[in-house]
Every structure is written in structure tokens, then in C-alpha cells.
Amino acid sequence: MKLDLPEVKEWLRIEEDEIHDDYLIRSLIDAALNYLYEATGKKKFGKQTEKAKLLCRFIISDWYESRDYNNRSPMANRKPLLTSMLMQLQYGGGDGEQSGLGGHIGTEKAGGASKGHESR
């Protein structure tokens, strides 16, 4: 999954030609992606990629807007929506991938039968 600088700047409502915070925003992009990977154990999200990107944009926005030293932790007061999205990405699986709980999520085939579970 990739987030690019113009996409994030648009989310933050920063004009693309304003470059004074570009270094900071790039580092927040890297940190948010790393946070998501470590929190979910996944680097690919399949059908949930857009949800994962949205969560990263929310995280970046939170960190960007509350970056003073008095804040205990940028995610200390994480909104319930963000917690829910993170849990869905962590345990939801996508495209028939193995979920974070070690189980498989079956998907429907054209004939209506679900994929079988392979034992390991």
C-alpha cells in the first residue's frame, strides 16, 4: 500500500505548492504506514486497501494537527471509529487472505459455494 504526498496534502487541506511542511508530512506518512503494519501484522490489505488508506489519512491528520509536546501520545485518545477500523483491518482478512486470528475467511464462488479451508 502506498500513500503519496499530494494525496495526503489534499486530505490535510494543504495547497500542493506549500512545501514548508513536506518533510514533516512525509515522515508522518512513513510513521502511519509503519504503525498500521505493526498494529495489524499485514502489509497488504486486498479489498480493504481503501479502508487502510483512509485510516492512515486519519492517523496522519491527528498527528499533524496535534504535534505539540504537551500531548501524551498522538493516539492516546484514539476515536472509537479509528479503533473499529483498525480491528477490522487486523482481523478482517481480504481477498481470501488469512486473518490476523489465524483463520480463513471464505469467499463466494460464482456457483454459490464457498472456498474450502485447507488444513496445515
PDB file of N, CA and C in Angstrom:
ATOM      1  N   MET A   1       0.841  -1.171   0.000  1.00  0.00           N
ATOM      2  CA  MET A   1       0.000   0.000   0.000  1.00  0.00           C
ATOM      3  C   MET A   1       0.892   1.241   0.000  1.00  0.00           C
ATOM      4  N   LYS A   2       0.472   2.229  -0.747  1.00  0.00           N
ATOM      5  CA  LYS A   2       1.274   3.441  -0.869  1.00  0.00           C
ATOM      6  C   LYS A   2       0.384   4.660  -0.701  1.00  0.00           C
ATOM      7  N   LEU A   3       0.858   5.602   0.066  1.00  0.00           N
ATOM      8  CA  LEU A   3       0.239   6.918   0.175  1.00  0.00           C
ATOM      9  C   LEU A   3       1.246   7.923  -0.355  1.00  0.00           C
ATOM     10  N   ASP A   4       0.816   8.796  -1.236  1.00  0.00           N
ATOM     11  CA  ASP A   4       1.763   9.778  -1.749  1.00  0.00           C
ATOM     12  C   ASP A   4       1.488  11.156  -1.137  1.00  0.00           C
ATOM     13  N   LEU A   5       2.494  11.995  -1.217  1.00  0.00           N
ATOM     14  CA  LEU A   5       2.448  13.313  -0.602  1.00  0.00           C
ATOM     15  C   LEU A   5       1.273  14.164  -1.098  1.00  0.00           C
ATOM     16  N   PRO A   6       1.026  14.283  -2.410  1.00  0.00           N
ATOM     17  CA  PRO A   6      -0.104  15.102  -2.858  1.00  0.00           C
ATOM     18  C   PRO A   6      -1.454  14.619  -2.316  1.00  0.00           C
ATOM     19  N   GLU A   7      -1.637  13.307  -2.247  1.00  0.00           N
ATOM     20  CA  GLU A   7      -2.875  12.732  -1.714  1.00  0.00           C
ATOM     21  C   GLU A   7      -3.075  13.136  -0.250  1.00  0.00           C
ATOM     22  N   VAL A   8      -2.025  13.056   0.538  1.00  0.00           N
ATOM     23  CA  VAL A   8      -2.118  13.392   1.957  1.00  0.00           C
ATOM     24  C   VAL A   8      -2.275  14.893   2.147  1.00  0.00           C
ATOM     25  N   LYS A   9      -1.571  15.680   1.365  1.00  0.00           N
ATOM     26  CA  LYS A   9      -1.720  17.134   1.473  1.00  0.00           C
ATOM     27  C   LYS A   9      -3.140  17.565   1.136  1.00  0.00           C
ATOM     28  N   GLU A  10      -3.742  16.923   0.158  1.00  0.00           N
ATOM     29  CA  GLU A  10      -5.132  17.227  -0.173  1.00  0.00           C
ATOM     30  C   GLU A  10      -6.036  16.883   1.010  1.00  0.00           C
ATOM     31  N   TRP A  11      -5.803  15.739   1.655  1.00  0.00           N
ATOM     32  CA  TRP A  11      -6.583  15.328   2.828  1.00  0.00           C
ATOM     33  C   TRP A  11      -6.435  16.348   3.958  1.00  0.00           C
ATOM     34  N   LEU A  12      -5.223  16.860   4.129  1.00  0.00           N
ATOM     35  CA  LEU A  12      -4.949  17.839   5.192  1.00  0.00           C
ATOM     36  C   LEU A  12      -5.368  19.260   4.807  1.00  0.00           C
ATOM     37  N   ARG A  13      -5.853  19.408   3.585  1.00  0.00           N
ATOM     38  CA  ARG A  13      -6.264  20.710   3.043  1.00  0.00           C
ATOM     39  C   ARG A  13      -5.093  21.696   2.991  1.00  0.00           C
ATOM     40  N   ILE A  14      -3.963  21.175   2.530  1.00  0.00           N
ATOM     41  CA  ILE A  14      -2.764  21.990   2.345  1.00  0.00           C
ATOM     42  C   ILE A  14      -2.532  22.105   0.842  1.00  0.00           C
ATOM     43  N   GLU A  15      -2.351  23.313   0.369  1.00  0.00           N
ATOM     44  CA  GLU A  15      -2.092  23.528  -1.056  1.00  0.00           C
ATOM     45  C   GLU A  15      -0.830  22.785  -1.464  1.00  0.00           C
ATOM     46  N   GLU A  16      -0.853  22.207  -2.653  1.00  0.00           N
ATOM     47  CA  GLU A  16       0.278  21.405  -3.113  1.00  0.00           C
ATOM     48  C   GLU A  16       1.558  22.231  -3.242  1.00  0.00           C
ATOM     49  N   ASP A  17       1.433  23.536  -3.552  1.00  0.00           N
ATOM     50  CA  ASP A  17       2.628  24.366  -3.707  1.00  0.00           C
ATOM     51  C   ASP A  17       3.187  24.860  -2.369  1.00  0.00           C
ATOM     52  N   GLU A  18       2.479  24.622  -1.267  1.00  0.00           N
ATOM     53  CA  GLU A  18       3.014  24.928   0.064  1.00  0.00           C
ATOM     54  C   GLU A  18       3.931  23.785   0.460  1.00  0.00           C
ATOM     55  N   ILE A  19       5.224  24.069   0.533  1.00  0.00           N
ATOM     56  CA  ILE A  19       6.188  22.992   0.744  1.00  0.00           C
ATOM     57  C   ILE A  19       6.875  23.033   2.110  1.00  0.00           C
ATOM     58  N   HIS A  20       6.548  23.999   2.957  1.00  0.00           N
ATOM     59  CA  HIS A  20       7.276  24.148   4.216  1.00  0.00           C
ATOM     60  C   HIS A  20       7.113  22.950   5.158  1.00  0.00           C
ATOM     61  N   ASP A  21       6.041  22.171   5.064  1.00  0.00           N
ATOM     62  CA  ASP A  21       5.841  21.007   5.931  1.00  0.00           C
ATOM     63  C   ASP A  21       5.999  19.674   5.190  1.00  0.00           C
ATOM     64  N   ASP A  22       6.507  19.695   3.968  1.00  0.00           N
ATOM     65  CA  ASP A  22       6.605  18.461   3.189  1.00  0.00           C
ATOM     66  C   ASP A  22       7.437  17.379   3.887  1.00  0.00           C
ATOM     67  N   TYR A  23       8.555  17.764   4.482  1.00  0.00           N
ATOM     68  CA  TYR A  23       9.394  16.784   5.161  1.00  0.00           C
ATOM     69  C   TYR A  23       8.631  16.147   6.328  1.00  0.00           C
ATOM     70  N   LEU A  24       7.966  16.985   7.108  1.00  0.00           N
ATOM     71  CA  LEU A  24       7.170  16.502   8.236  1.00  0.00           C
ATOM     72  C   LEU A  24       6.062  15.560   7.762  1.00  0.00           C
ATOM     73  N   ILE A  25       5.360  15.949   6.723  1.00  0.00           N
ATOM     74  CA  ILE A  25       4.250  15.127   6.212  1.00  0.00           C
ATOM     75  C   ILE A  25       4.764  13.797   5.690  1.00  0.00           C
ATOM     76  N   ARG A  26       5.895  13.813   4.996  1.00  0.00           N
ATOM     77  CA  ARG A  26       6.477  12.549   4.515  1.00  0.00           C
ATOM     78  C   ARG A  26       6.824  11.631   5.688  1.00  0.00           C
ATOM     79  N   SER A  27       7.393  12.203   6.741  1.00  0.00           N
ATOM     80  CA  SER A  27       7.737  11.367   7.895  1.00  0.00           C
ATOM     81  C   SER A  27       6.483  10.844   8.590  1.00  0.00           C
ATOM     82  N   LEU A  28       5.403  11.633   8.603  1.00  0.00           N
ATOM     83  CA  LEU A  28       4.141  11.159   9.179  1.00  0.00           C
ATOM     84  C   LEU A  28       3.526  10.049   8.330  1.00  0.00           C
ATOM     85  N   ILE A  29       3.665  10.138   7.014  1.00  0.00           N
ATOM     86  CA  ILE A  29       3.178   9.073   6.127  1.00  0.00           C
ATOM     87  C   ILE A  29       3.913   7.776   6.458  1.00  0.00           C
ATOM     88  N   ASP A  30       5.237   7.842   6.533  1.00  0.00           N
ATOM     89  CA  ASP A  30       6.027   6.649   6.843  1.00  0.00           C
ATOM     90  C   ASP A  30       5.654   6.082   8.216  1.00  0.00           C
ATOM     91  N   ALA A  31       5.504   6.962   9.197  1.00  0.00           N
ATOM     92  CA  ALA A  31       5.162   6.512  10.550  1.00  0.00           C
ATOM     93  C   ALA A  31       3.767   5.886  10.601  1.00  0.00           C
ATOM     94  N   ALA A  32       2.798   6.469   9.901  1.00  0.00           N
ATOM     95  CA  ALA A  32       1.431   5.936   9.902  1.00  0.00           C
ATOM     96  C   ALA A  32       1.380   4.569   9.222  1.00  0.00           C
ATOM     97  N   LEU A  33       2.075   4.428   8.104  1.00  0.00           N
ATOM     98  CA  LEU A  33       2.116   3.130   7.428  1.00  0.00           C
ATOM     99  C   LEU A  33       2.769   2.079   8.323  1.00  0.00           C
ATOM    100  N   ASN A  34       3.861   2.450   8.967  1.00  0.00           N
ATOM    101  CA  ASN A  34       4.543   1.537   9.880  1.00  0.00           C
ATOM    102  C   ASN A  34       3.639   1.176  11.065  1.00  0.00           C
ATOM    103  N   TYR A  35       2.936   2.166  11.603  1.00  0.00           N
ATOM    104  CA  TYR A  35       2.005   1.924  12.711  1.00  0.00           C
ATOM    105  C   TYR A  35       0.935   0.921  12.287  1.00  0.00           C
ATOM    106  N   LEU A  36       0.363   1.110  11.107  1.00  0.00           N
ATOM    107  CA  LEU A  36      -0.681   0.220  10.615  1.00  0.00           C
ATOM    108  C   LEU A  36      -0.142  -1.197  10.400  1.00  0.00           C
ATOM    109  N   TYR A  37       1.047  -1.317   9.813  1.00  0.00           N
ATOM    110  CA  TYR A  37       1.641  -2.633   9.575  1.00  0.00           C
ATOM    111  C   TYR A  37       1.891  -3.360  10.898  1.00  0.00           C
ATOM    112  N   GLU A  38       2.437  -2.633  11.883  1.00  0.00           N
ATOM    113  CA  GLU A  38       2.733  -3.263  13.165  1.00  0.00           C
ATOM    114  C   GLU A  38       1.457  -3.592  13.948  1.00  0.00           C
ATOM    115  N   ALA A  39       0.448  -2.751  13.834  1.00  0.00           N
ATOM    116  CA  ALA A  39      -0.805  -2.980  14.573  1.00  0.00           C
ATOM    117  C   ALA A  39      -1.602  -4.140  13.996  1.00  0.00           C
ATOM    118  N   THR A  40      -1.509  -4.357  12.682  1.00  0.00           N
ATOM    119  CA  THR A  40      -2.313  -5.403  12.043  1.00  0.00           C
ATOM    120  C   THR A  40      -1.512  -6.641  11.678  1.00  0.00           C
ATOM    121  N   GLY A  41      -0.201  -6.499  11.559  1.00  0.00           N
ATOM    122  CA  GLY A  41       0.621  -7.609  11.101  1.00  0.00           C
ATOM    123  C   GLY A  41       0.512  -7.827   9.601  1.00  0.00           C
ATOM    124  N   LYS A  42      -0.068  -6.869   8.887  1.00  0.00           N
ATOM    125  CA  LYS A  42      -0.274  -7.020   7.443  1.00  0.00           C
ATOM    126  C   LYS A  42       0.423  -5.904   6.688  1.00  0.00           C
ATOM    127  N   LYS A  43       0.902  -6.243   5.488  1.00  0.00           N
ATOM    128  CA  LYS A  43       1.436  -5.233   4.578  1.00  0.00           C
ATOM    129  C   LYS A  43       0.550  -5.072   3.367  1.00  0.00           C
ATOM    130  N   LYS A  44      -0.337  -6.030   3.134  1.00  0.00           N
ATOM    131  CA  LYS A  44      -1.293  -5.956   2.020  1.00  0.00           C
ATOM    132  C   LYS A  44      -2.692  -6.129   2.592  1.00  0.00           C
ATOM    133  N   PHE A  45      -3.631  -5.362   2.065  1.00  0.00           N
ATOM    134  CA  PHE A  45      -4.979  -5.373   2.615  1.00  0.00           C
ATOM    135  C   PHE A  45      -6.050  -5.806   1.614  1.00  0.00           C
ATOM    136  N   GLY A  46      -5.628  -6.180   0.411  1.00  0.00           N
ATOM    137  CA  GLY A  46      -6.585  -6.686  -0.570  1.00  0.00           C
ATOM    138  C   GLY A  46      -7.745  -5.736  -0.786  1.00  0.00           C
ATOM    139  N   LYS A  47      -8.949  -6.255  -0.630  1.00  0.00           N
ATOM    140  CA  LYS A  47     -10.162  -5.465  -0.847  1.00  0.00           C
ATOM    141  C   LYS A  47     -10.328  -4.350   0.182  1.00  0.00           C
ATOM    142  N   GLN A  48      -9.570  -4.420   1.260  1.00  0.00           N
ATOM    143  CA  GLN A  48      -9.677  -3.404   2.310  1.00  0.00           C
ATOM    144  C   GLN A  48      -8.637  -2.296   2.172  1.00  0.00           C
ATOM    145  N   THR A  49      -7.955  -2.221   1.039  1.00  0.00           N
ATOM    146  CA  THR A  49      -6.893  -1.228   0.858  1.00  0.00           C
ATOM    147  C   THR A  49      -7.406   0.197   1.042  1.00  0.00           C
ATOM    148  N   GLU A  50      -8.555   0.509   0.481  1.00  0.00           N
ATOM    149  CA  GLU A  50      -9.077   1.878   0.617  1.00  0.00           C
ATOM    150  C   GLU A  50      -9.383   2.209   2.072  1.00  0.00           C
ATOM    151  N   LYS A  51      -9.883   1.235   2.823  1.00  0.00           N
ATOM    152  CA  LYS A  51     -10.139   1.453   4.251  1.00  0.00           C
ATOM    153  C   LYS A  51      -8.821   1.676   4.991  1.00  0.00           C
ATOM    154  N   ALA A  52      -7.799   0.902   4.642  1.00  0.00           N
ATOM    155  CA  ALA A  52      -6.490   1.053   5.267  1.00  0.00           C
ATOM    156  C   ALA A  52      -5.897   2.424   4.957  1.00  0.00           C
ATOM    157  N   LYS A  53      -6.042   2.882   3.717  1.00  0.00           N
ATOM    158  CA  LYS A  53      -5.540   4.208   3.346  1.00  0.00           C
ATOM    159  C   LYS A  53      -6.295   5.304   4.086  1.00  0.00           C
ATOM    160  N   LEU A  54      -7.603   5.136   4.228  1.00  0.00           N
ATOM    161  CA  LEU A  54      -8.411   6.111   4.960  1.00  0.00           C
ATOM    162  C   LEU A  54      -7.959   6.184   6.414  1.00  0.00           C
ATOM    163  N   LEU A  55      -7.740   5.029   7.029  1.00  0.00           N
ATOM    164  CA  LEU A  55      -7.269   5.009   8.412  1.00  0.00           C
ATOM    165  C   LEU A  55      -5.920   5.713   8.527  1.00  0.00           C
ATOM    166  N   CYS A  56      -5.013   5.465   7.592  1.00  0.00           N
ATOM    167  CA  CYS A  56      -3.716   6.153   7.617  1.00  0.00           C
ATOM    168  C   CYS A  56      -3.887   7.659   7.497  1.00  0.00           C
ATOM    169  N   ARG A  57      -4.790   8.102   6.627  1.00  0.00           N
ATOM    170  CA  ARG A  57      -5.020   9.548   6.497  1.00  0.00           C
ATOM    171  C   ARG A  57      -5.561  10.138   7.794  1.00  0.00           C
ATOM    172  N   PHE A  58      -6.466   9.411   8.480  1.00  0.00           N
ATOM    173  CA  PHE A  58      -6.967   9.889   9.773  1.00  0.00           C
ATOM    174  C   PHE A  58      -5.832   9.978  10.793  1.00  0.00           C
ATOM    175  N   ILE A  59      -4.987   8.957  10.834  1.00  0.00           N
ATOM    176  CA  ILE A  59      -3.862   8.950  11.772  1.00  0.00           C
ATOM    177  C   ILE A  59      -2.924  10.112  11.476  1.00  0.00           C
ATOM    178  N   ILE A  60      -2.581  10.303  10.207  1.00  0.00           N
ATOM    179  CA  ILE A  60      -1.688  11.401   9.823  1.00  0.00           C
ATOM    180  C   ILE A  60      -2.298  12.739  10.204  1.00  0.00           C
ATOM    181  N   SER A  61      -3.580  12.903   9.951  1.00  0.00           N
ATOM    182  CA  SER A  61      -4.261  14.146  10.294  1.00  0.00           C
ATOM    183  C   SER A  61      -4.200  14.408  11.793  1.00  0.00           C
ATOM    184  N   ASP A  62      -4.454  13.378  12.578  1.00  0.00           N
ATOM    185  CA  ASP A  62      -4.397  13.518  14.036  1.00  0.00           C
ATOM    186  C   ASP A  62      -2.998  13.913  14.488  1.00  0.00           C
ATOM    187  N   TRP A  63      -1.997  13.228  13.972  1.00  0.00           N
ATOM    188  CA  TRP A  63      -0.621  13.536  14.349  1.00  0.00           C
ATOM    189  C   TRP A  63      -0.206  14.922  13.880  1.00  0.00           C
ATOM    190  N   TYR A  64      -0.606  15.317  12.690  1.00  0.00           N
ATOM    191  CA  TYR A  64      -0.230  16.615  12.134  1.00  0.00           C
ATOM    192  C   TYR A  64      -0.858  17.761  12.927  1.00  0.00           C
ATOM    193  N   GLU A  65      -2.120  17.585  13.283  1.00  0.00           N
ATOM    194  CA  GLU A  65      -2.847  18.654  13.963  1.00  0.00           C
ATOM    195  C   GLU A  65      -2.563  18.727  15.460  1.00  0.00           C
ATOM    196  N   SER A  66      -2.021  17.674  16.046  1.00  0.00           N
ATOM    197  CA  SER A  66      -1.746  17.693  17.488  1.00  0.00           C
ATOM    198  C   SER A  66      -0.307  17.274  17.744  1.00  0.00           C
ATOM    199  N   ARG A  67       0.612  18.033  17.206  1.00  0.00           N
ATOM    200  CA  ARG A  67       2.022  17.660  17.299  1.00  0.00           C
ATOM    201  C   ARG A  67       2.791  18.456  18.348  1.00  0.00           C
ATOM    202  N   ASP A  68       2.097  18.998  19.347  1.00  0.00           N
ATOM    203  CA  ASP A  68       2.817  19.725  20.394  1.00  0.00           C
ATOM    204  C   ASP A  68       3.363  18.742  21.436  1.00  0.00           C
ATOM    205  N   TYR A  69       4.293  19.217  22.257  1.00  0.00           N
ATOM    206  CA  TYR A  69       4.941  18.354  23.234  1.00  0.00           C
ATOM    207  C   TYR A  69       4.055  18.021  24.432  1.00  0.00           C
ATOM    208  N   ASN A  70       2.997  18.751  24.646  1.00  0.00           N
ATOM    209  CA  ASN A  70       2.123  18.509  25.790  1.00  0.00           C
ATOM    210  C   ASN A  70       1.186  17.329  25.584  1.00  0.00           C
ATOM    211  N   ASN A  71       1.084  16.848  24.373  1.00  0.00           N
ATOM    212  CA  ASN A  71       0.209  15.720  24.062  1.00  0.00           C
ATOM    213  C   ASN A  71       0.916  14.434  24.497  1.00  0.00           C
ATOM    214  N   ARG A  72       0.297  13.649  25.406  1.00  0.00           N
ATOM    215  CA  ARG A  72       0.911  12.415  25.926  1.00  0.00           C
ATOM    216  C   ARG A  72       1.342  11.480  24.807  1.00  0.00           C
ATOM    217  N   SER A  73       0.419  11.191  23.939  1.00  0.00           N
ATOM    218  CA  SER A  73       0.655  10.267  22.842  1.00  0.00           C
ATOM    219  C   SER A  73      -0.332  10.598  21.745  1.00  0.00           C
ATOM    220  N   PRO A  74       0.115  10.704  20.504  1.00  0.00           N
ATOM    221  CA  PRO A  74      -0.814  11.078  19.431  1.00  0.00           C
ATOM    222  C   PRO A  74      -2.047  10.192  19.344  1.00  0.00           C
ATOM    223  N   MET A  75      -1.921   8.908  19.656  1.00  0.00           N
ATOM    224  CA  MET A  75      -3.068   8.017  19.543  1.00  0.00           C
ATOM    225  C   MET A  75      -3.668   7.664  20.904  1.00  0.00           C
ATOM    226  N   ALA A  76      -3.272   8.371  21.975  1.00  0.00           N
ATOM    227  CA  ALA A  76      -3.760   8.044  23.309  1.00  0.00           C
ATOM    228  C   ALA A  76      -5.275   8.171  23.396  1.00  0.00           C
ATOM    229  N   ASN A  77      -5.831   9.131  22.724  1.00  0.00           N
ATOM    230  CA  ASN A  77      -7.272   9.342  22.756  1.00  0.00           C
ATOM    231  C   ASN A  77      -7.890   8.998  21.415  1.00  0.00           C
ATOM    232  N   ARG A  78      -7.496   7.877  20.882  1.00  0.00           N
ATOM    233  CA  ARG A  78      -7.959   7.447  19.572  1.00  0.00           C
ATOM    234  C   ARG A  78      -9.484   7.358  19.545  1.00  0.00           C
ATOM    235  N   LYS A  79     -10.058   7.872  18.495  1.00  0.00           N
ATOM    236  CA  LYS A  79     -11.509   7.860  18.335  1.00  0.00           C
ATOM    237  C   LYS A  79     -12.009   6.426  18.160  1.00  0.00           C
ATOM    238  N   PRO A  80     -13.209   6.120  18.669  1.00  0.00           N
ATOM    239  CA  PRO A  80     -13.753   4.764  18.519  1.00  0.00           C
ATOM    240  C   PRO A  80     -13.811   4.299  17.065  1.00  0.00           C
ATOM    241  N   LEU A  81     -14.089   5.201  16.133  1.00  0.00           N
ATOM    242  CA  LEU A  81     -14.134   4.828  14.719  1.00  0.00           C
ATOM    243  C   LEU A  81     -12.784   4.305  14.260  1.00  0.00           C
ATOM    244  N   LEU A  82     -11.706   4.964  14.666  1.00  0.00           N
ATOM    245  CA  LEU A  82     -10.378   4.531  14.265  1.00  0.00           C
ATOM    246  C   LEU A  82     -10.042   3.178  14.874  1.00  0.00           C
ATOM    247  N   THR A  83     -10.439   2.964  16.125  1.00  0.00           N
ATOM    248  CA  THR A  83     -10.210   1.678  16.774  1.00  0.00           C
ATOM    249  C   THR A  83     -10.954   0.578  16.026  1.00  0.00           C
ATOM    250  N   SER A  84     -12.197   0.852  15.659  1.00  0.00           N
ATOM    251  CA  SER A  84     -13.001  -0.118  14.925  1.00  0.00           C
ATOM    252  C   SER A  84     -12.377  -0.438  13.572  1.00  0.00           C
ATOM    253  N   MET A  85     -11.942   0.591  12.842  1.00  0.00           N
ATOM    254  CA  MET A  85     -11.326   0.375  11.533  1.00  0.00           C
ATOM    255  C   MET A  85     -10.052  -0.452  11.664  1.00  0.00           C
ATOM    256  N   LEU A  86      -9.258  -0.147  12.687  1.00  0.00           N
ATOM    257  CA  LEU A  86      -8.020  -0.879  12.909  1.00  0.00           C
ATOM    258  C   LEU A  86      -8.316  -2.350  13.199  1.00  0.00           C
ATOM    259  N   MET A  87      -9.316  -2.620  14.022  1.00  0.00           N
ATOM    260  CA  MET A  87      -9.694  -4.003  14.334  1.00  0.00           C
ATOM    261  C   MET A  87     -10.174  -4.732  13.071  1.00  0.00           C
ATOM    262  N   GLN A  88     -10.959  -4.057  12.235  1.00  0.00           N
ATOM    263  CA  GLN A  88     -11.444  -4.675  11.002  1.00  0.00           C
ATOM    264  C   GLN A  88     -10.287  -5.035  10.081  1.00  0.00           C
ATOM    265  N   LEU A  89      -9.318  -4.137   9.976  1.00  0.00           N
ATOM    266  CA  LEU A  89      -8.166  -4.403   9.122  1.00  0.00           C
ATOM    267  C   LEU A  89      -7.289  -5.507   9.710  1.00  0.00           C
ATOM    268  N   GLN A  90      -7.160  -5.523  11.039  1.00  0.00           N
ATOM    269  CA  GLN A  90      -6.315  -6.502  11.685  1.00  0.00           C
ATOM    270  C   GLN A  90      -6.897  -7.906  11.570  1.00  0.00           C
ATOM    271  N   TYR A  91      -8.185  -8.044  11.766  1.00  0.00           N
ATOM    272  CA  TYR A  91      -8.790  -9.367  11.842  1.00  0.00           C
ATOM    273  C   TYR A  91      -9.687  -9.719  10.669  1.00  0.00           C
ATOM    274  N   GLY A  92      -9.900  -8.773   9.756  1.00  0.00           N
ATOM    275  CA  GLY A  92     -10.871  -8.993   8.703  1.00  0.00           C
ATOM    276  C   GLY A  92     -10.413  -9.801   7.522  1.00  0.00           C
ATOM    277  N   GLY A  93      -9.135  -9.818   7.208  1.00  0.00           N
ATOM    278  CA  GLY A  93      -8.686 -10.516   6.010  1.00  0.00           C
ATOM    279  C   GLY A  93      -9.248  -9.843   4.774  1.00  0.00           C
ATOM    280  N   GLY A  94      -8.780 -10.224   3.643  1.00  0.00           N
ATOM    281  CA  GLY A  94      -9.269  -9.667   2.394  1.00  0.00           C
ATOM    282  C   GLY A  94      -8.811 -10.525   1.246  1.00  0.00           C
ATOM    283  N   ASP A  95      -9.614 -10.654   0.243  1.00  0.00           N
ATOM    284  CA  ASP A  95      -9.281 -11.475  -0.931  1.00  0.00           C
ATOM    285  C   ASP A  95      -8.943 -12.906  -0.532  1.00  0.00           C
ATOM    286  N   GLY A  96      -9.607 -13.439   0.497  1.00  0.00           N
ATOM    287  CA  GLY A  96      -9.352 -14.807   0.924  1.00  0.00           C
ATOM    288  C   GLY A  96      -8.055 -14.974   1.687  1.00  0.00           C
ATOM    289  N   GLU A  97      -7.442 -13.874   2.143  1.00  0.00           N
ATOM    290  CA  GLU A  97      -6.192 -13.942   2.893  1.00  0.00           C
ATOM    291  C   GLU A  97      -6.454 -14.509   4.277  1.00  0.00           C
ATOM    292  N   GLN A  98      -5.417 -14.990   4.893  1.00  0.00           N
ATOM    293  CA  GLN A  98      -5.532 -15.464   6.260  1.00  0.00           C
ATOM    294  C   GLN A  98      -5.724 -14.264   7.169  1.00  0.00           C
ATOM    295  N   SER A  99      -6.636 -14.360   8.118  1.00  0.00           N
ATOM    296  CA  SER A  99      -6.885 -13.249   9.030  1.00  0.00           C
ATOM    297  C   SER A  99      -5.836 -13.231  10.124  1.00  0.00           C
ATOM    298  N   GLY A 100      -5.801 -12.134  10.889  1.00  0.00           N
ATOM    299  CA  GLY A 100      -4.864 -11.994  11.988  1.00  0.00           C
ATOM    300  C   GLY A 100      -5.096 -12.994  13.100  1.00  0.00           C
ATOM    301  N   LEU A 101      -6.269 -13.643  13.162  1.00  0.00           N
ATOM    302  CA  LEU A 101      -6.555 -14.619  14.197  1.00  0.00           C
ATOM    303  C   LEU A 101      -6.134 -16.025  13.797  1.00  0.00           C
ATOM    304  N   GLY A 102      -5.581 -16.187  12.604  1.00  0.00           N
ATOM    305  CA  GLY A 102      -5.112 -17.483  12.167  1.00  0.00           C
ATOM    306  C   GLY A 102      -6.154 -18.278  11.401  1.00  0.00           C
ATOM    307  N   GLY A 103      -7.328 -17.747  11.188  1.00  0.00           N
ATOM    308  CA  GLY A 103      -8.380 -18.440  10.459  1.00  0.00           C
ATOM    309  C   GLY A 103      -8.460 -17.947   9.039  1.00  0.00           C
ATOM    310  N   HIS A 104      -9.294 -18.603   8.238  1.00  0.00           N
ATOM    311  CA  HIS A 104      -9.508 -18.198   6.858  1.00  0.00           C
ATOM    312  C   HIS A 104     -10.898 -17.620   6.713  1.00  0.00           C
ATOM    313  N   ILE A 105     -11.010 -16.648   5.856  1.00  0.00           N
ATOM    314  CA  ILE A 105     -12.303 -16.078   5.538  1.00  0.00           C
ATOM    315  C   ILE A 105     -12.644 -16.551   4.141  1.00  0.00           C
ATOM    316  N   GLY A 106     -13.698 -17.361   4.017  1.00  0.00           N
ATOM    317  CA  GLY A 106     -14.083 -17.892   2.723  1.00  0.00           C
ATOM    318  C   GLY A 106     -14.781 -16.837   1.894  1.00  0.00           C
ATOM    319  N   THR A 107     -14.661 -16.936   0.584  1.00  0.00           N
ATOM    320  CA  THR A 107     -15.355 -16.033  -0.315  1.00  0.00           C
ATOM    321  C   THR A 107     -16.237 -16.845  -1.220  1.00  0.00           C
ATOM    322  N   GLU A 108     -17.301 -16.264  -1.677  1.00  0.00           N
ATOM    323  CA  GLU A 108     -18.260 -16.951  -2.527  1.00  0.00           C
ATOM    324  C   GLU A 108     -17.687 -17.143  -3.925  1.00  0.00           C
ATOM    325  N   LYS A 109     -17.899 -18.340  -4.484  1.00  0.00           N
ATOM    326  CA  LYS A 109     -17.563 -18.603  -5.879  1.00  0.00           C
ATOM    327  C   LYS A 109     -18.783 -18.294  -6.720  1.00  0.00           C
ATOM    328  N   ALA A 110     -18.633 -18.290  -8.017  1.00  0.00           N
ATOM    329  CA  ALA A 110     -19.730 -17.974  -8.920  1.00  0.00           C
ATOM    330  C   ALA A 110     -20.923 -18.899  -8.705  1.00  0.00           C
ATOM    331  N   GLY A 111     -20.701 -20.178  -8.383  1.00  0.00           N
ATOM    332  CA  GLY A 111     -21.776 -21.139  -8.206  1.00  0.00           C
ATOM    333  C   GLY A 111     -22.427 -21.080  -6.837  1.00  0.00           C
ATOM    334  N   GLY A 112     -21.975 -20.194  -5.948  1.00  0.00           N
ATOM    335  CA  GLY A 112     -22.569 -20.047  -4.638  1.00  0.00           C
ATOM    336  C   GLY A 112     -21.875 -20.846  -3.550  1.00  0.00           C
ATOM    337  N   ALA A 113     -20.940 -21.726  -3.903  1.00  0.00           N
ATOM    338  CA  ALA A 113     -20.220 -22.498  -2.888  1.00  0.00           C
ATOM    339  C   ALA A 113     -19.046 -21.694  -2.389  1.00  0.00           C
ATOM    340  N   SER A 114     -18.741 -21.836  -1.121  1.00  0.00           N
ATOM    341  CA  SER A 114     -17.601 -21.097  -0.587  1.00  0.00           C
ATOM    342  C   SER A 114     -16.340 -21.929  -0.735  1.00  0.00           C
ATOM    343  N   LYS A 115     -15.199 -21.253  -0.694  1.00  0.00           N
ATOM    344  CA  LYS A 115     -13.905 -21.922  -0.808  1.00  0.00           C
ATOM    345  C   LYS A 115     -13.708 -22.806   0.406  1.00  0.00           C
ATOM    346  N   GLY A 116     -13.084 -23.937   0.184  1.00  0.00           N
ATOM    347  CA  GLY A 116     -12.786 -24.843   1.290  1.00  0.00           C
ATOM    348  C   GLY A 116     -11.621 -24.338   2.100  1.00  0.00           C
ATOM    349  N   HIS A 117     -11.551 -24.808   3.335  1.00  0.00           N
ATOM    350  CA  HIS A 117     -10.440 -24.439   4.216  1.00  0.00           C
ATOM    351  C   HIS A 117      -9.407 -25.537   4.160  1.00  0.00           C
ATOM    352  N   GLU A 118      -8.194 -25.169   3.925  1.00  0.00           N
ATOM    353  CA  GLU A 118      -7.119 -26.139   3.892  1.00  0.00           C
ATOM    354  C   GLU A 118      -6.538 -26.281   5.272  1.00  0.00           C
ATOM    355  N   SER A 119      -6.231 -27.472   5.677  1.00  0.00           N
ATOM    356  CA  SER A 119      -5.577 -27.658   6.983  1.00  0.00           C
ATOM    357  C   SER A 119      -4.088 -27.677   6.768  1.00  0.00           C
ATOM    358  N   ARG A 120      -3.385 -27.218   7.763  1.00  0.00           N
ATOM    359  CA  ARG A 120      -1.924 -27.144   7.659  1.00  0.00           C
ATOM    360  C   ARG A 120      -1.298 -28.086   8.638  1.00  0.00           C
TER     361      ARG A 120
END
